[in-house]
Amino acid sequence: MTQSKNEHNMTIKVLYFASLKEVFGCAEQVINSAGMSTVDDVWQQVSAGCEVQQSVLNAVNQEYADSDTAVKAGDEVAFFPPVTGG
């Protein structure tokens, strides 16, 4: 049981909203956090090979975040397209 708990501690939960759900084909996924220190590191890993608009908003643990915001194992990182008003 300790091994699976350690594996959970080495992950980041990634959430996708709006049109990004269609781009990535899912609303969320769990990725290995090894080697990741910022939101941009997470984005680079999950968006590799995908055609995604460059302007994406970020949140870490349900708080708006910049791309250079630090992340750690166990965090929840969300990506969503900019919202326009009308």
Protein backbone atom coordinates (compact mmCIF):
# COMPACT_ATOMS: atom_id res chain seq x y z
CA MET A 1 0.00 0.00 0.00
CA THR A 2 2.89 2.38 0.69
CA GLN A 3 4.07 2.12 -2.92
CA SER A 4 0.74 3.26 -4.37
CA LYS A 5 0.63 6.12 -1.86
CA ASN A 6 4.12 7.19 -3.00
CA GLU A 7 3.05 6.97 -6.62
CA HIS A 8 0.07 9.24 -5.86
CA ASN A 9 2.44 11.71 -4.22
CA MET A 10 4.43 11.90 -7.46
CA THR A 11 1.52 13.07 -9.59
CA ILE A 12 -0.23 16.24 -10.68
CA LYS A 13 -3.91 16.27 -11.61
CA VAL A 14 -4.50 18.25 -14.80
CA LEU A 15 -7.94 19.63 -15.67
CA TYR A 16 -9.08 20.92 -19.07
CA PHE A 17 -12.04 23.24 -19.58
CA ALA A 18 -14.17 24.44 -22.51
CA SER A 19 -12.63 23.83 -25.95
CA LEU A 20 -9.50 22.32 -24.42
CA LYS A 21 -11.55 19.27 -23.40
CA GLU A 22 -12.12 18.56 -27.09
CA VAL A 23 -8.49 19.23 -28.01
CA PHE A 24 -7.17 16.80 -25.40
CA GLY A 25 -10.09 14.36 -25.60
CA CYS A 26 -10.70 14.38 -21.86
CA ALA A 27 -11.64 16.66 -18.99
CA GLU A 28 -8.81 15.56 -16.72
CA GLN A 29 -5.77 13.37 -16.45
CA VAL A 30 -3.11 12.52 -13.91
CA ILE A 31 0.52 12.91 -14.93
CA ASN A 32 3.85 12.11 -13.31
CA SER A 33 5.24 15.24 -11.65
CA ALA A 34 8.90 14.24 -11.92
CA GLY A 35 10.95 17.07 -13.38
CA MET A 36 8.13 19.60 -13.22
CA SER A 37 8.58 22.80 -11.28
CA THR A 38 6.25 25.32 -12.99
CA VAL A 39 2.86 25.50 -14.68
CA ASP A 40 4.71 25.95 -17.97
CA ASP A 41 6.51 22.62 -17.44
CA VAL A 42 3.13 20.93 -17.04
CA TRP A 43 1.74 22.70 -20.12
CA GLN A 44 4.76 21.74 -22.23
CA GLN A 45 4.32 18.08 -21.32
CA VAL A 46 0.57 17.84 -21.85
CA SER A 47 0.44 19.95 -25.02
CA ALA A 48 3.36 18.26 -26.80
CA GLY A 49 2.14 17.15 -30.21
CA CYS A 50 -1.21 18.94 -29.94
CA GLU A 51 -2.34 21.94 -31.91
CA VAL A 52 -3.37 24.32 -29.15
CA GLN A 53 -3.77 28.07 -29.15
CA GLN A 54 -0.94 29.77 -27.29
CA SER A 55 -3.10 31.97 -25.07
CA VAL A 56 -4.29 29.64 -22.32
CA LEU A 57 -5.20 30.64 -18.77
CA ASN A 58 -3.91 28.64 -15.83
CA ALA A 59 -4.91 27.85 -12.28
CA VAL A 60 -3.12 25.95 -9.53
CA ASN A 61 -5.27 24.49 -6.77
CA GLN A 62 -8.22 26.62 -7.94
CA GLU A 63 -6.29 29.92 -7.87
CA TYR A 64 -5.40 31.83 -11.05
CA ALA A 65 -1.71 31.36 -11.79
CA ASP A 66 0.99 32.56 -14.17
CA SER A 67 2.97 30.16 -16.32
CA ASP A 68 5.98 30.55 -14.01
CA THR A 69 3.98 29.65 -10.87
CA ALA A 70 5.60 26.81 -8.96
CA VAL A 71 3.92 23.40 -8.89
CA LYS A 72 4.60 20.34 -6.79
CA ALA A 73 3.42 16.77 -6.54
CA GLY A 74 -0.20 16.58 -5.42
CA ASP A 75 -1.20 19.89 -7.01
CA GLU A 76 -4.17 20.35 -9.32
CA VAL A 77 -3.37 22.38 -12.44
CA ALA A 78 -6.17 23.63 -14.68
CA PHE A 79 -5.96 25.01 -18.22
CA PHE A 80 -8.72 26.94 -19.95
CA PRO A 81 -9.09 29.28 -22.92
CA PRO A 82 -9.53 33.00 -22.31
CA VAL A 83 -13.13 34.04 -21.72
CA THR A 84 -14.56 36.88 -23.73
CA GLY A 85 -17.51 38.94 -22.67
CA GLY A 86 -20.19 40.35 -24.79
